[in-house]
């Protein structure tokens, strides 16, 4: 498990499997699928980036 995951409070799945499942469900990033970028066709980005691209396009 990486340093960032430890700092965010996601437990080690080998030591605490049930607690790990709960932490993953309540993570800050969520489990959202990737969507296609508006600026680069064929590139997948997060929904947050896609929304920012749409807002910048509408200016």
PDB file of N, CA and C in Angstrom:
ATOM      1  N   UNK A   1       0.843  -1.172   0.000  1.00  0.00           N
ATOM      2  CA  UNK A   1       0.000   0.000   0.000  1.00  0.00           C
ATOM      3  C   UNK A   1       0.890   1.237   0.000  1.00  0.00           C
ATOM      4  N   UNK A   2       0.522   2.224  -0.780  1.00  0.00           N
ATOM      5  CA  UNK A   2       1.336   3.412  -0.912  1.00  0.00           C
ATOM      6  C   UNK A   2       1.206   4.374   0.253  1.00  0.00           C
ATOM      7  N   UNK A   3       2.098   5.325   0.277  1.00  0.00           N
ATOM      8  CA  UNK A   3       2.135   6.317   1.352  1.00  0.00           C
ATOM      9  C   UNK A   3       0.868   7.168   1.362  1.00  0.00           C
ATOM     10  N   UNK A   4       0.394   7.545   0.195  1.00  0.00           N
ATOM     11  CA  UNK A   4      -0.790   8.395   0.108  1.00  0.00           C
ATOM     12  C   UNK A   4      -2.009   7.687   0.680  1.00  0.00           C
ATOM     13  N   UNK A   5      -2.173   6.420   0.366  1.00  0.00           N
ATOM     14  CA  UNK A   5      -3.316   5.664   0.876  1.00  0.00           C
ATOM     15  C   UNK A   5      -3.266   5.553   2.395  1.00  0.00           C
ATOM     16  N   UNK A   6      -2.076   5.387   2.948  1.00  0.00           N
ATOM     17  CA  UNK A   6      -1.953   5.304   4.403  1.00  0.00           C
ATOM     18  C   UNK A   6      -2.321   6.629   5.049  1.00  0.00           C
ATOM     19  N   UNK A   7      -1.913   7.726   4.437  1.00  0.00           N
ATOM     20  CA  UNK A   7      -2.211   9.041   5.000  1.00  0.00           C
ATOM     21  C   UNK A   7      -3.696   9.362   4.914  1.00  0.00           C
ATOM     22  N   UNK A   8      -4.391   8.824   3.932  1.00  0.00           N
ATOM     23  CA  UNK A   8      -5.816   9.081   3.784  1.00  0.00           C
ATOM     24  C   UNK A   8      -6.644   8.203   4.709  1.00  0.00           C
ATOM     25  N   UNK A   9      -6.040   7.241   5.347  1.00  0.00           N
ATOM     26  CA  UNK A   9      -6.756   6.429   6.310  1.00  0.00           C
ATOM     27  C   UNK A   9      -7.310   5.128   5.767  1.00  0.00           C
ATOM     28  N   UNK A  10      -6.901   4.704   4.586  1.00  0.00           N
ATOM     29  CA  UNK A  10      -7.340   3.416   4.048  1.00  0.00           C
ATOM     30  C   UNK A  10      -6.447   2.340   4.646  1.00  0.00           C
ATOM     31  N   UNK A  11      -7.059   1.388   5.322  1.00  0.00           N
ATOM     32  CA  UNK A  11      -6.294   0.368   6.041  1.00  0.00           C
ATOM     33  C   UNK A  11      -5.719  -0.686   5.103  1.00  0.00           C
ATOM     34  N   UNK A  12      -4.782  -1.442   5.616  1.00  0.00           N
ATOM     35  CA  UNK A  12      -4.138  -2.514   4.868  1.00  0.00           C
ATOM     36  C   UNK A  12      -5.134  -3.661   4.674  1.00  0.00           C
ATOM     37  N   UNK A  13      -5.395  -4.091   3.428  1.00  0.00           N
ATOM     38  CA  UNK A  13      -6.391  -5.144   3.201  1.00  0.00           C
ATOM     39  C   UNK A  13      -6.000  -6.497   3.787  1.00  0.00           C
ATOM     40  N   UNK A  14      -4.713  -6.762   3.938  1.00  0.00           N
ATOM     41  CA  UNK A  14      -4.286  -8.050   4.487  1.00  0.00           C
ATOM     42  C   UNK A  14      -4.490  -8.114   5.999  1.00  0.00           C
ATOM     43  N   UNK A  15      -4.282  -6.994   6.677  1.00  0.00           N
ATOM     44  CA  UNK A  15      -4.409  -6.981   8.133  1.00  0.00           C
ATOM     45  C   UNK A  15      -5.854  -6.806   8.592  1.00  0.00           C
ATOM     46  N   UNK A  16      -6.606  -5.958   7.895  1.00  0.00           N
ATOM     47  CA  UNK A  16      -7.984  -5.651   8.301  1.00  0.00           C
ATOM     48  C   UNK A  16      -8.906  -5.678   7.079  1.00  0.00           C
ATOM     49  N   UNK A  17      -9.284  -6.858   6.584  1.00  0.00           N
ATOM     50  CA  UNK A  17     -10.080  -6.915   5.347  1.00  0.00           C
ATOM     51  C   UNK A  17     -11.441  -6.242   5.454  1.00  0.00           C
ATOM     52  N   UNK A  18     -12.156  -6.422   6.567  1.00  0.00           N
ATOM     53  CA  UNK A  18     -13.490  -5.823   6.667  1.00  0.00           C
ATOM     54  C   UNK A  18     -13.402  -4.304   6.804  1.00  0.00           C
ATOM     55  N   UNK A  19     -12.424  -3.823   7.550  1.00  0.00           N
ATOM     56  CA  UNK A  19     -12.244  -2.384   7.707  1.00  0.00           C
ATOM     57  C   UNK A  19     -11.784  -1.748   6.396  1.00  0.00           C
ATOM     58  N   UNK A  20     -10.974  -2.485   5.634  1.00  0.00           N
ATOM     59  CA  UNK A  20     -10.507  -1.990   4.339  1.00  0.00           C
ATOM     60  C   UNK A  20     -11.681  -1.760   3.388  1.00  0.00           C
ATOM     61  N   UNK A  21     -12.657  -2.675   3.383  1.00  0.00           N
ATOM     62  CA  UNK A  21     -13.827  -2.517   2.514  1.00  0.00           C
ATOM     63  C   UNK A  21     -14.623  -1.275   2.882  1.00  0.00           C
ATOM     64  N   UNK A  22     -14.796  -1.032   4.177  1.00  0.00           N
ATOM     65  CA  UNK A  22     -15.540   0.155   4.614  1.00  0.00           C
ATOM     66  C   UNK A  22     -14.799   1.435   4.249  1.00  0.00           C
ATOM     67  N   UNK A  23     -13.483   1.443   4.411  1.00  0.00           N
ATOM     68  CA  UNK A  23     -12.696   2.636   4.096  1.00  0.00           C
ATOM     69  C   UNK A  23     -12.744   2.940   2.606  1.00  0.00           C
ATOM     70  N   UNK A  24     -12.715   1.903   1.784  1.00  0.00           N
ATOM     71  CA  UNK A  24     -12.767   2.121   0.346  1.00  0.00           C
ATOM     72  C   UNK A  24     -14.116   2.691  -0.077  1.00  0.00           C
ATOM     73  N   UNK A  25     -15.190   2.298   0.602  1.00  0.00           N
ATOM     74  CA  UNK A  25     -16.511   2.810   0.252  1.00  0.00           C
ATOM     75  C   UNK A  25     -16.652   4.279   0.612  1.00  0.00           C
ATOM     76  N   UNK A  26     -15.962   4.708   1.640  1.00  0.00           N
ATOM     77  CA  UNK A  26     -16.093   6.090   2.085  1.00  0.00           C
ATOM     78  C   UNK A  26     -14.866   6.927   1.720  1.00  0.00           C
ATOM     79  N   UNK A  27     -14.165   6.541   0.670  1.00  0.00           N
ATOM     80  CA  UNK A  27     -12.977   7.289   0.281  1.00  0.00           C
ATOM     81  C   UNK A  27     -13.373   8.630  -0.324  1.00  0.00           C
ATOM     82  N   UNK A  28     -12.460   9.564  -0.333  1.00  0.00           N
ATOM     83  CA  UNK A  28     -12.740  10.900  -0.842  1.00  0.00           C
ATOM     84  C   UNK A  28     -12.835  10.916  -2.362  1.00  0.00           C
ATOM     85  N   UNK A  29     -12.117  10.036  -3.013  1.00  0.00           N
ATOM     86  CA  UNK A  29     -12.110  10.050  -4.468  1.00  0.00           C
ATOM     87  C   UNK A  29     -13.365   9.430  -5.048  1.00  0.00           C
ATOM     88  N   UNK A  30     -13.977   8.512  -4.335  1.00  0.00           N
ATOM     89  CA  UNK A  30     -15.161   7.846  -4.856  1.00  0.00           C
ATOM     90  C   UNK A  30     -14.789   6.816  -5.899  1.00  0.00           C
ATOM     91  N   UNK A  31     -15.783   6.179  -6.461  1.00  0.00           N
ATOM     92  CA  UNK A  31     -15.538   5.147  -7.457  1.00  0.00           C
ATOM     93  C   UNK A  31     -16.275   5.528  -8.732  1.00  0.00           C
ATOM     94  N   UNK A  32     -15.866   6.633  -9.332  1.00  0.00           N
ATOM     95  CA  UNK A  32     -16.541   7.144 -10.517  1.00  0.00           C
ATOM     96  C   UNK A  32     -15.793   6.695 -11.764  1.00  0.00           C
ATOM     97  N   UNK A  33     -16.515   6.358 -12.811  1.00  0.00           N
ATOM     98  CA  UNK A  33     -15.848   5.912 -14.041  1.00  0.00           C
ATOM     99  C   UNK A  33     -15.195   7.078 -14.777  1.00  0.00           C
ATOM    100  N   UNK A  34     -14.237   6.765 -15.623  1.00  0.00           N
ATOM    101  CA  UNK A  34     -13.587   7.775 -16.442  1.00  0.00           C
ATOM    102  C   UNK A  34     -14.457   8.108 -17.645  1.00  0.00           C
ATOM    103  N   UNK A  35     -14.308   9.332 -18.148  1.00  0.00           N
ATOM    104  CA  UNK A  35     -15.050   9.780 -19.328  1.00  0.00           C
ATOM    105  C   UNK A  35     -14.050  10.329 -20.339  1.00  0.00           C
ATOM    106  N   UNK A  36     -14.493  10.483 -21.586  1.00  0.00           N
ATOM    107  CA  UNK A  36     -13.588  10.946 -22.633  1.00  0.00           C
ATOM    108  C   UNK A  36     -13.345  12.445 -22.521  1.00  0.00           C
ATOM    109  N   UNK A  37     -12.126  12.861 -22.769  1.00  0.00           N
ATOM    110  CA  UNK A  37     -11.742  14.265 -22.701  1.00  0.00           C
ATOM    111  C   UNK A  37     -12.341  15.040 -23.863  1.00  0.00           C
ATOM    112  N   UNK A  38     -12.661  16.316 -23.632  1.00  0.00           N
ATOM    113  CA  UNK A  38     -13.169  17.163 -24.708  1.00  0.00           C
ATOM    114  C   UNK A  38     -12.044  17.668 -25.601  1.00  0.00           C
ATOM    115  N   UNK A  39     -10.873  17.907 -25.015  1.00  0.00           N
ATOM    116  CA  UNK A  39      -9.775  18.493 -25.776  1.00  0.00           C
ATOM    117  C   UNK A  39      -8.972  17.453 -26.549  1.00  0.00           C
ATOM    118  N   UNK A  40      -8.785  16.274 -25.983  1.00  0.00           N
ATOM    119  CA  UNK A  40      -7.999  15.221 -26.630  1.00  0.00           C
ATOM    120  C   UNK A  40      -8.877  13.996 -26.836  1.00  0.00           C
ATOM    121  N   UNK A  41      -9.275  13.747 -28.045  1.00  0.00           N
ATOM    122  CA  UNK A  41     -10.117  12.585 -28.332  1.00  0.00           C
ATOM    123  C   UNK A  41      -9.330  11.304 -28.087  1.00  0.00           C
ATOM    124  N   UNK A  42      -9.977  10.346 -27.459  1.00  0.00           N
ATOM    125  CA  UNK A  42      -9.331   9.081 -27.152  1.00  0.00           C
ATOM    126  C   UNK A  42      -8.625   9.067 -25.810  1.00  0.00           C
ATOM    127  N   UNK A  43      -8.619  10.199 -25.102  1.00  0.00           N
ATOM    128  CA  UNK A  43      -7.981  10.281 -23.787  1.00  0.00           C
ATOM    129  C   UNK A  43      -9.069  10.251 -22.726  1.00  0.00           C
ATOM    130  N   UNK A  44      -8.884   9.409 -21.718  1.00  0.00           N
ATOM    131  CA  UNK A  44      -9.868   9.297 -20.653  1.00  0.00           C
ATOM    132  C   UNK A  44      -9.439  10.158 -19.466  1.00  0.00           C
ATOM    133  N   UNK A  45     -10.399  10.907 -18.907  1.00  0.00           N
ATOM    134  CA  UNK A  45     -10.137  11.773 -17.761  1.00  0.00           C
ATOM    135  C   UNK A  45     -11.207  11.536 -16.703  1.00  0.00           C
ATOM    136  N   UNK A  46     -10.977  12.061 -15.500  1.00  0.00           N
ATOM    137  CA  UNK A  46     -11.983  11.946 -14.448  1.00  0.00           C
ATOM    138  C   UNK A  46     -13.144  12.884 -14.746  1.00  0.00           C
ATOM    139  N   UNK A  47     -14.258  12.657 -14.076  1.00  0.00           N
ATOM    140  CA  UNK A  47     -15.440  13.478 -14.303  1.00  0.00           C
ATOM    141  C   UNK A  47     -15.202  14.917 -13.861  1.00  0.00           C
ATOM    142  N   UNK A  48     -14.370  15.107 -12.849  1.00  0.00           N
ATOM    143  CA  UNK A  48     -14.058  16.453 -12.372  1.00  0.00           C
ATOM    144  C   UNK A  48     -13.310  17.244 -13.447  1.00  0.00           C
ATOM    145  N   UNK A  49     -12.362  16.599 -14.115  1.00  0.00           N
ATOM    146  CA  UNK A  49     -11.602  17.251 -15.182  1.00  0.00           C
ATOM    147  C   UNK A  49     -12.524  17.556 -16.356  1.00  0.00           C
ATOM    148  N   UNK A  50     -13.398  16.619 -16.692  1.00  0.00           N
ATOM    149  CA  UNK A  50     -14.334  16.813 -17.806  1.00  0.00           C
ATOM    150  C   UNK A  50     -15.254  18.005 -17.542  1.00  0.00           C
ATOM    151  N   UNK A  51     -15.740  18.132 -16.315  1.00  0.00           N
ATOM    152  CA  UNK A  51     -16.611  19.254 -15.968  1.00  0.00           C
ATOM    153  C   UNK A  51     -15.853  20.574 -16.083  1.00  0.00           C
ATOM    154  N   UNK A  52     -14.594  20.590 -15.668  1.00  0.00           N
ATOM    155  CA  UNK A  52     -13.771  21.794 -15.790  1.00  0.00           C
ATOM    156  C   UNK A  52     -13.556  22.153 -17.255  1.00  0.00           C
ATOM    157  N   UNK A  53     -13.362  21.149 -18.110  1.00  0.00           N
ATOM    158  CA  UNK A  53     -13.202  21.403 -19.539  1.00  0.00           C
ATOM    159  C   UNK A  53     -14.472  22.011 -20.127  1.00  0.00           C
ATOM    160  N   UNK A  54     -15.629  21.509 -19.711  1.00  0.00           N
ATOM    161  CA  UNK A  54     -16.895  22.049 -20.205  1.00  0.00           C
ATOM    162  C   UNK A  54     -17.088  23.489 -19.747  1.00  0.00           C
ATOM    163  N   UNK A  55     -16.745  23.777 -18.489  1.00  0.00           N
ATOM    164  CA  UNK A  55     -16.876  25.144 -17.981  1.00  0.00           C
ATOM    165  C   UNK A  55     -15.953  26.104 -18.718  1.00  0.00           C
ATOM    166  N   UNK A  56     -14.731  25.673 -19.004  1.00  0.00           N
ATOM    167  CA  UNK A  56     -13.789  26.528 -19.732  1.00  0.00           C
ATOM    168  C   UNK A  56     -14.221  26.724 -21.178  1.00  0.00           C
ATOM    169  N   UNK A  57     -14.862  25.745 -21.755  1.00  0.00           N
ATOM    170  CA  UNK A  57     -15.321  25.844 -23.139  1.00  0.00           C
ATOM    171  C   UNK A  57     -16.478  26.840 -23.260  1.00  0.00           C
ATOM    172  N   UNK A  58     -17.306  26.931 -22.214  1.00  0.00           N
ATOM    173  CA  UNK A  58     -18.477  27.804 -22.249  1.00  0.00           C
ATOM    174  C   UNK A  58     -18.145  29.266 -21.958  1.00  0.00           C
ATOM    175  N   UNK A  59     -16.923  29.566 -21.602  1.00  0.00           N
ATOM    176  CA  UNK A  59     -16.552  30.959 -21.302  1.00  0.00           C
ATOM    177  C   UNK A  59     -16.481  31.796 -22.536  1.00  0.00           C
TER     178      UNK A  59
END
